[in-house]
Amino acid sequence: MQIRLTVVDPLAPPSPARGRAASCDVLVTAPAGTALAAVASALASSVAGDAGTSRGAGTSRSSGFEGAKETERGGGPVVLYAGAERLDDRRSTLGEPPLTDGAVLSLGAPAAPEP
C-alpha cells in the first residue's frame, strides 16, 4: 500500500523562504494494516531533513516502515497530530482515517491553521 502524507513541524523555526513551519511531502509504502508506530520515526526524520537538522536516522522522502521510534529532539517518542487530535501510534493504522492518502500530520504539537 502507498499513501501520500504531508508532515509539518510547527515547533521548528519558520522557513525563511516561505515564512511558515517546515513541512515535507512523503510517500509511505507499507503493508496494509501497518501501525503508525512503524513509520513514525521515518516521518519525523523526513521533515527534519528539510529543516536542515537531524532527529534520527536519515531517510529519503519515500519512507518504508523501518526505524527507531525515538527522536533526538527530546529523546522521547515521536508524537504526531492530525489536526488537533493526538494520534495513538499503536492504534492508528495507515490507510484508515485520519491516516488516509493526502493527510497532513504535525510533529510534536498541533499545527496552526494555514491562512
N, C-alpha and C. Protein backbone atom coordinates (compact mmCIF):
# COMPACT_ATOMS: atom_id res chain seq x y z
N MET A 1 0.84 -1.16 0.00
CA MET A 1 0.00 0.00 0.00
C MET A 1 0.89 1.23 0.00
N GLN A 2 0.45 2.26 -0.71
CA GLN A 2 1.16 3.54 -0.72
C GLN A 2 0.18 4.66 -0.41
N ILE A 3 0.60 5.57 0.48
CA ILE A 3 -0.18 6.78 0.74
C ILE A 3 0.76 7.97 0.79
N ARG A 4 0.23 9.12 0.40
CA ARG A 4 0.99 10.37 0.47
C ARG A 4 0.56 11.11 1.72
N LEU A 5 1.55 11.56 2.48
CA LEU A 5 1.29 12.34 3.70
C LEU A 5 2.12 13.61 3.64
N THR A 6 1.63 14.66 4.24
CA THR A 6 2.41 15.87 4.45
C THR A 6 2.71 15.95 5.92
N VAL A 7 3.99 16.09 6.27
CA VAL A 7 4.41 16.19 7.66
C VAL A 7 4.88 17.62 7.90
N VAL A 8 4.30 18.26 8.92
CA VAL A 8 4.62 19.65 9.28
C VAL A 8 5.27 19.64 10.65
N ASP A 9 6.31 20.47 10.83
CA ASP A 9 6.96 20.61 12.13
C ASP A 9 6.71 22.01 12.67
N PRO A 10 5.61 22.21 13.42
CA PRO A 10 5.27 23.54 13.91
C PRO A 10 6.23 24.06 14.98
N LEU A 11 7.06 23.19 15.55
CA LEU A 11 7.99 23.59 16.59
C LEU A 11 9.34 24.04 16.03
N ALA A 12 9.59 23.76 14.76
CA ALA A 12 10.84 24.18 14.12
C ALA A 12 10.75 25.66 13.75
N PRO A 13 11.91 26.32 13.63
CA PRO A 13 11.87 27.72 13.18
C PRO A 13 11.23 27.81 11.79
N PRO A 14 10.48 28.87 11.53
CA PRO A 14 9.86 29.01 10.20
C PRO A 14 10.91 29.05 9.10
N SER A 15 10.55 28.51 7.96
CA SER A 15 11.42 28.54 6.79
C SER A 15 11.55 29.98 6.31
N PRO A 16 12.78 30.50 6.15
CA PRO A 16 12.94 31.89 5.70
C PRO A 16 12.30 32.14 4.33
N ALA A 17 12.37 31.16 3.46
CA ALA A 17 11.83 31.34 2.11
C ALA A 17 10.30 31.38 2.11
N ARG A 18 9.68 30.61 2.99
CA ARG A 18 8.22 30.53 2.98
C ARG A 18 7.56 31.23 4.16
N GLY A 19 8.33 31.51 5.22
CA GLY A 19 7.77 32.20 6.37
C GLY A 19 6.80 31.37 7.19
N ARG A 20 6.87 30.06 7.07
CA ARG A 20 6.00 29.19 7.86
C ARG A 20 6.76 27.93 8.26
N ALA A 21 6.12 27.10 9.05
CA ALA A 21 6.76 25.90 9.59
C ALA A 21 7.29 24.99 8.49
N ALA A 22 8.37 24.28 8.82
CA ALA A 22 8.95 23.31 7.89
C ALA A 22 7.92 22.22 7.61
N SER A 23 7.88 21.76 6.36
CA SER A 23 6.98 20.67 6.00
C SER A 23 7.61 19.84 4.90
N CYS A 24 7.10 18.64 4.74
CA CYS A 24 7.64 17.73 3.73
C CYS A 24 6.53 16.79 3.27
N ASP A 25 6.43 16.59 1.97
CA ASP A 25 5.51 15.60 1.42
C ASP A 25 6.24 14.27 1.38
N VAL A 26 5.58 13.22 1.85
CA VAL A 26 6.21 11.91 1.98
C VAL A 26 5.32 10.85 1.34
N LEU A 27 5.94 9.95 0.59
CA LEU A 27 5.23 8.78 0.06
C LEU A 27 5.58 7.61 0.96
N VAL A 28 4.57 7.06 1.63
CA VAL A 28 4.79 5.95 2.56
C VAL A 28 4.37 4.66 1.87
N THR A 29 5.28 3.69 1.85
CA THR A 29 4.99 2.37 1.31
C THR A 29 5.10 1.38 2.45
N ALA A 30 3.99 0.72 2.77
CA ALA A 30 3.96 -0.22 3.89
C ALA A 30 2.83 -1.22 3.65
N PRO A 31 2.92 -2.38 4.27
CA PRO A 31 1.83 -3.35 4.14
C PRO A 31 0.53 -2.80 4.72
N ALA A 32 -0.60 -3.21 4.18
CA ALA A 32 -1.89 -2.82 4.73
C ALA A 32 -1.96 -3.23 6.19
N GLY A 33 -2.55 -2.38 7.01
CA GLY A 33 -2.68 -2.68 8.43
C GLY A 33 -1.48 -2.28 9.27
N THR A 34 -0.51 -1.60 8.68
CA THR A 34 0.68 -1.17 9.42
C THR A 34 0.33 -0.09 10.42
N ALA A 35 0.81 -0.25 11.65
CA ALA A 35 0.58 0.75 12.70
C ALA A 35 1.45 1.98 12.44
N LEU A 36 0.96 3.14 12.83
CA LEU A 36 1.71 4.38 12.70
C LEU A 36 3.07 4.28 13.38
N ALA A 37 3.15 3.54 14.47
CA ALA A 37 4.41 3.39 15.21
C ALA A 37 5.54 2.89 14.32
N ALA A 38 5.22 2.08 13.32
CA ALA A 38 6.24 1.51 12.45
C ALA A 38 6.89 2.54 11.54
N VAL A 39 6.22 3.66 11.27
CA VAL A 39 6.77 4.66 10.35
C VAL A 39 6.97 6.03 11.00
N ALA A 40 6.60 6.18 12.25
CA ALA A 40 6.64 7.49 12.92
C ALA A 40 8.03 8.11 12.89
N SER A 41 9.06 7.34 13.18
CA SER A 41 10.42 7.87 13.18
C SER A 41 10.85 8.33 11.79
N ALA A 42 10.51 7.56 10.78
CA ALA A 42 10.86 7.94 9.41
C ALA A 42 10.11 9.21 8.99
N LEU A 43 8.87 9.37 9.41
CA LEU A 43 8.12 10.59 9.11
C LEU A 43 8.76 11.79 9.77
N ALA A 44 9.16 11.65 11.04
CA ALA A 44 9.82 12.74 11.76
C ALA A 44 11.14 13.09 11.10
N SER A 45 11.89 12.10 10.67
CA SER A 45 13.18 12.34 10.02
C SER A 45 13.02 13.03 8.68
N SER A 46 11.93 12.76 7.98
CA SER A 46 11.75 13.37 6.66
C SER A 46 11.58 14.88 6.77
N VAL A 47 10.82 15.36 7.72
CA VAL A 47 10.65 16.81 7.87
C VAL A 47 11.89 17.43 8.49
N ALA A 48 12.60 16.69 9.31
CA ALA A 48 13.85 17.20 9.90
C ALA A 48 14.89 17.42 8.82
N GLY A 49 14.92 16.58 7.80
CA GLY A 49 15.86 16.74 6.71
C GLY A 49 15.63 18.02 5.94
N ASP A 50 14.36 18.41 5.75
CA ASP A 50 14.05 19.67 5.09
C ASP A 50 14.44 20.86 5.93
N ALA A 51 14.37 20.72 7.26
CA ALA A 51 14.69 21.83 8.15
C ALA A 51 16.18 21.97 8.36
N GLY A 52 16.96 20.99 7.87
CA GLY A 52 18.41 21.06 7.99
C GLY A 52 18.93 20.58 9.33
N THR A 53 18.10 19.88 10.09
CA THR A 53 18.54 19.32 11.36
C THR A 53 18.37 17.82 11.32
N SER A 54 18.96 17.15 12.27
CA SER A 54 18.84 15.70 12.31
C SER A 54 18.20 15.28 13.62
N ARG A 55 17.13 14.50 13.53
CA ARG A 55 16.47 14.00 14.72
C ARG A 55 16.55 12.50 14.82
N GLY A 56 17.05 11.84 13.86
CA GLY A 56 17.09 10.39 13.89
C GLY A 56 17.83 9.90 12.67
N ALA A 57 17.66 8.65 12.36
CA ALA A 57 18.32 8.10 11.19
C ALA A 57 17.80 8.82 9.95
N GLY A 58 18.69 9.10 9.02
CA GLY A 58 18.28 9.80 7.80
C GLY A 58 17.39 8.93 6.94
N THR A 59 16.43 9.55 6.29
CA THR A 59 15.55 8.81 5.40
C THR A 59 15.35 9.63 4.14
N SER A 60 14.89 8.97 3.12
CA SER A 60 14.50 9.70 1.92
C SER A 60 13.04 10.10 2.07
N ARG A 61 12.54 10.82 1.07
CA ARG A 61 11.15 11.24 1.14
C ARG A 61 10.21 10.07 0.90
N SER A 62 10.70 9.00 0.34
CA SER A 62 9.89 7.80 0.20
C SER A 62 10.23 6.92 1.38
N SER A 63 9.26 6.68 2.22
CA SER A 63 9.54 6.09 3.52
C SER A 63 9.00 4.67 3.61
N GLY A 64 9.83 3.78 4.11
CA GLY A 64 9.40 2.43 4.41
C GLY A 64 8.94 2.37 5.84
N PHE A 65 8.90 1.16 6.41
CA PHE A 65 8.40 1.07 7.77
C PHE A 65 9.47 0.65 8.76
N GLU A 66 10.75 0.88 8.44
CA GLU A 66 11.80 0.57 9.38
C GLU A 66 12.10 1.80 10.21
N GLY A 67 12.87 1.64 11.26
CA GLY A 67 13.36 2.80 12.00
C GLY A 67 12.98 2.77 13.46
N ALA A 68 13.78 3.45 14.24
CA ALA A 68 13.52 3.56 15.66
C ALA A 68 12.39 4.55 15.89
N LYS A 69 11.86 4.55 17.09
CA LYS A 69 10.74 5.40 17.41
C LYS A 69 11.17 6.62 18.21
N GLU A 70 12.42 6.79 18.49
CA GLU A 70 12.90 7.89 19.31
C GLU A 70 13.35 9.05 18.44
N THR A 71 13.29 10.24 18.97
CA THR A 71 13.75 11.42 18.26
C THR A 71 14.77 12.14 19.12
N GLU A 72 15.78 12.73 18.49
CA GLU A 72 16.82 13.42 19.24
C GLU A 72 16.30 14.69 19.88
N ARG A 73 15.17 15.24 19.41
CA ARG A 73 14.67 16.49 19.94
C ARG A 73 14.24 16.31 21.39
N GLY A 74 14.30 15.42 22.09
CA GLY A 74 13.91 15.30 23.48
C GLY A 74 14.13 13.88 23.91
N GLY A 75 14.54 13.04 23.00
CA GLY A 75 14.82 11.67 23.33
C GLY A 75 13.57 10.83 23.57
N GLY A 76 12.40 11.42 23.46
CA GLY A 76 11.16 10.69 23.72
C GLY A 76 10.58 10.15 22.44
N PRO A 77 9.42 9.55 22.56
CA PRO A 77 8.77 9.00 21.37
C PRO A 77 8.30 10.11 20.43
N VAL A 78 8.16 9.77 19.18
CA VAL A 78 7.64 10.69 18.17
C VAL A 78 6.14 10.86 18.42
N VAL A 79 5.70 12.11 18.52
CA VAL A 79 4.28 12.41 18.73
C VAL A 79 3.76 13.10 17.48
N LEU A 80 2.70 12.54 16.90
CA LEU A 80 2.11 13.09 15.69
C LEU A 80 0.65 13.45 15.92
N TYR A 81 0.22 14.52 15.26
CA TYR A 81 -1.16 15.00 15.35
C TYR A 81 -1.76 15.05 13.96
N ALA A 82 -3.06 14.78 13.88
CA ALA A 82 -3.85 15.02 12.68
C ALA A 82 -4.86 16.08 13.09
N GLY A 83 -4.65 17.31 12.64
CA GLY A 83 -5.45 18.43 13.15
C GLY A 83 -5.11 18.63 14.61
N ALA A 84 -6.11 18.70 15.47
CA ALA A 84 -5.88 18.86 16.91
C ALA A 84 -5.81 17.52 17.63
N GLU A 85 -6.04 16.42 16.91
CA GLU A 85 -6.09 15.09 17.51
C GLU A 85 -4.69 14.47 17.62
N ARG A 86 -4.29 14.13 18.85
CA ARG A 86 -3.03 13.42 19.05
C ARG A 86 -3.27 11.97 18.65
N LEU A 87 -2.41 11.45 17.78
CA LEU A 87 -2.57 10.09 17.27
C LEU A 87 -1.89 9.08 18.19
N ASP A 88 -2.59 8.01 18.48
CA ASP A 88 -2.02 6.90 19.23
C ASP A 88 -1.25 6.06 18.21
N ASP A 89 0.07 6.07 18.31
CA ASP A 89 0.87 5.43 17.26
C ASP A 89 0.70 3.92 17.19
N ARG A 90 0.20 3.29 18.23
CA ARG A 90 -0.02 1.84 18.18
C ARG A 90 -1.40 1.47 17.68
N ARG A 91 -2.36 2.37 17.87
CA ARG A 91 -3.73 2.07 17.45
C ARG A 91 -4.10 2.70 16.11
N SER A 92 -3.37 3.71 15.70
CA SER A 92 -3.64 4.36 14.41
C SER A 92 -3.02 3.52 13.30
N THR A 93 -3.81 3.22 12.29
CA THR A 93 -3.38 2.34 11.21
C THR A 93 -3.32 3.10 9.90
N LEU A 94 -2.22 2.91 9.17
CA LEU A 94 -2.07 3.56 7.86
C LEU A 94 -3.20 3.11 6.93
N GLY A 95 -3.78 4.06 6.23
CA GLY A 95 -4.86 3.77 5.30
C GLY A 95 -6.24 3.92 5.90
N GLU A 96 -6.32 4.04 7.24
CA GLU A 96 -7.60 4.25 7.92
C GLU A 96 -7.64 5.67 8.47
N PRO A 97 -8.83 6.32 8.46
CA PRO A 97 -8.91 7.70 8.94
C PRO A 97 -8.32 7.85 10.35
N PRO A 98 -7.57 8.89 10.58
CA PRO A 98 -7.27 10.02 9.70
C PRO A 98 -6.02 9.81 8.84
N LEU A 99 -5.43 8.62 8.86
CA LEU A 99 -4.19 8.36 8.12
C LEU A 99 -4.47 7.85 6.71
N THR A 100 -5.18 8.66 5.95
CA THR A 100 -5.51 8.32 4.57
C THR A 100 -4.66 9.14 3.61
N ASP A 101 -4.71 8.79 2.35
CA ASP A 101 -3.93 9.50 1.33
C ASP A 101 -4.23 10.99 1.38
N GLY A 102 -3.17 11.80 1.44
CA GLY A 102 -3.32 13.26 1.46
C GLY A 102 -3.41 13.87 2.84
N ALA A 103 -3.34 13.06 3.89
CA ALA A 103 -3.45 13.59 5.26
C ALA A 103 -2.26 14.49 5.59
N VAL A 104 -2.51 15.47 6.46
CA VAL A 104 -1.47 16.36 6.96
C VAL A 104 -1.25 16.03 8.43
N LEU A 105 -0.02 15.69 8.77
CA LEU A 105 0.34 15.35 10.15
C LEU A 105 1.28 16.40 10.71
N SER A 106 1.15 16.70 11.99
CA SER A 106 2.02 17.66 12.66
C SER A 106 2.91 16.92 13.64
N LEU A 107 4.16 17.31 13.69
CA LEU A 107 5.15 16.67 14.55
C LEU A 107 5.27 17.44 15.87
N GLY A 108 4.99 16.78 16.99
CA GLY A 108 5.23 17.36 18.31
C GLY A 108 4.14 18.24 18.88
N ALA A 109 3.32 18.85 18.05
CA ALA A 109 2.24 19.73 18.51
C ALA A 109 1.27 19.94 17.36
N PRO A 110 0.02 20.28 17.67
CA PRO A 110 -0.91 20.58 16.58
C PRO A 110 -0.41 21.79 15.79
N ALA A 111 -0.56 21.75 14.50
CA ALA A 111 -0.14 22.88 13.65
C ALA A 111 -1.20 23.96 13.66
N ALA A 112 -0.75 25.19 13.55
CA ALA A 112 -1.68 26.31 13.41
C ALA A 112 -2.32 26.22 12.04
N PRO A 113 -3.59 26.56 11.92
CA PRO A 113 -4.23 26.52 10.60
C PRO A 113 -3.55 27.47 9.63
N GLU A 114 -3.48 27.06 8.37
CA GLU A 114 -2.89 27.90 7.32
C GLU A 114 -3.80 29.09 7.07
N PRO A 115 -3.22 30.26 6.76
CA PRO A 115 -4.06 31.45 6.48
C PRO A 115 -4.86 31.31 5.20
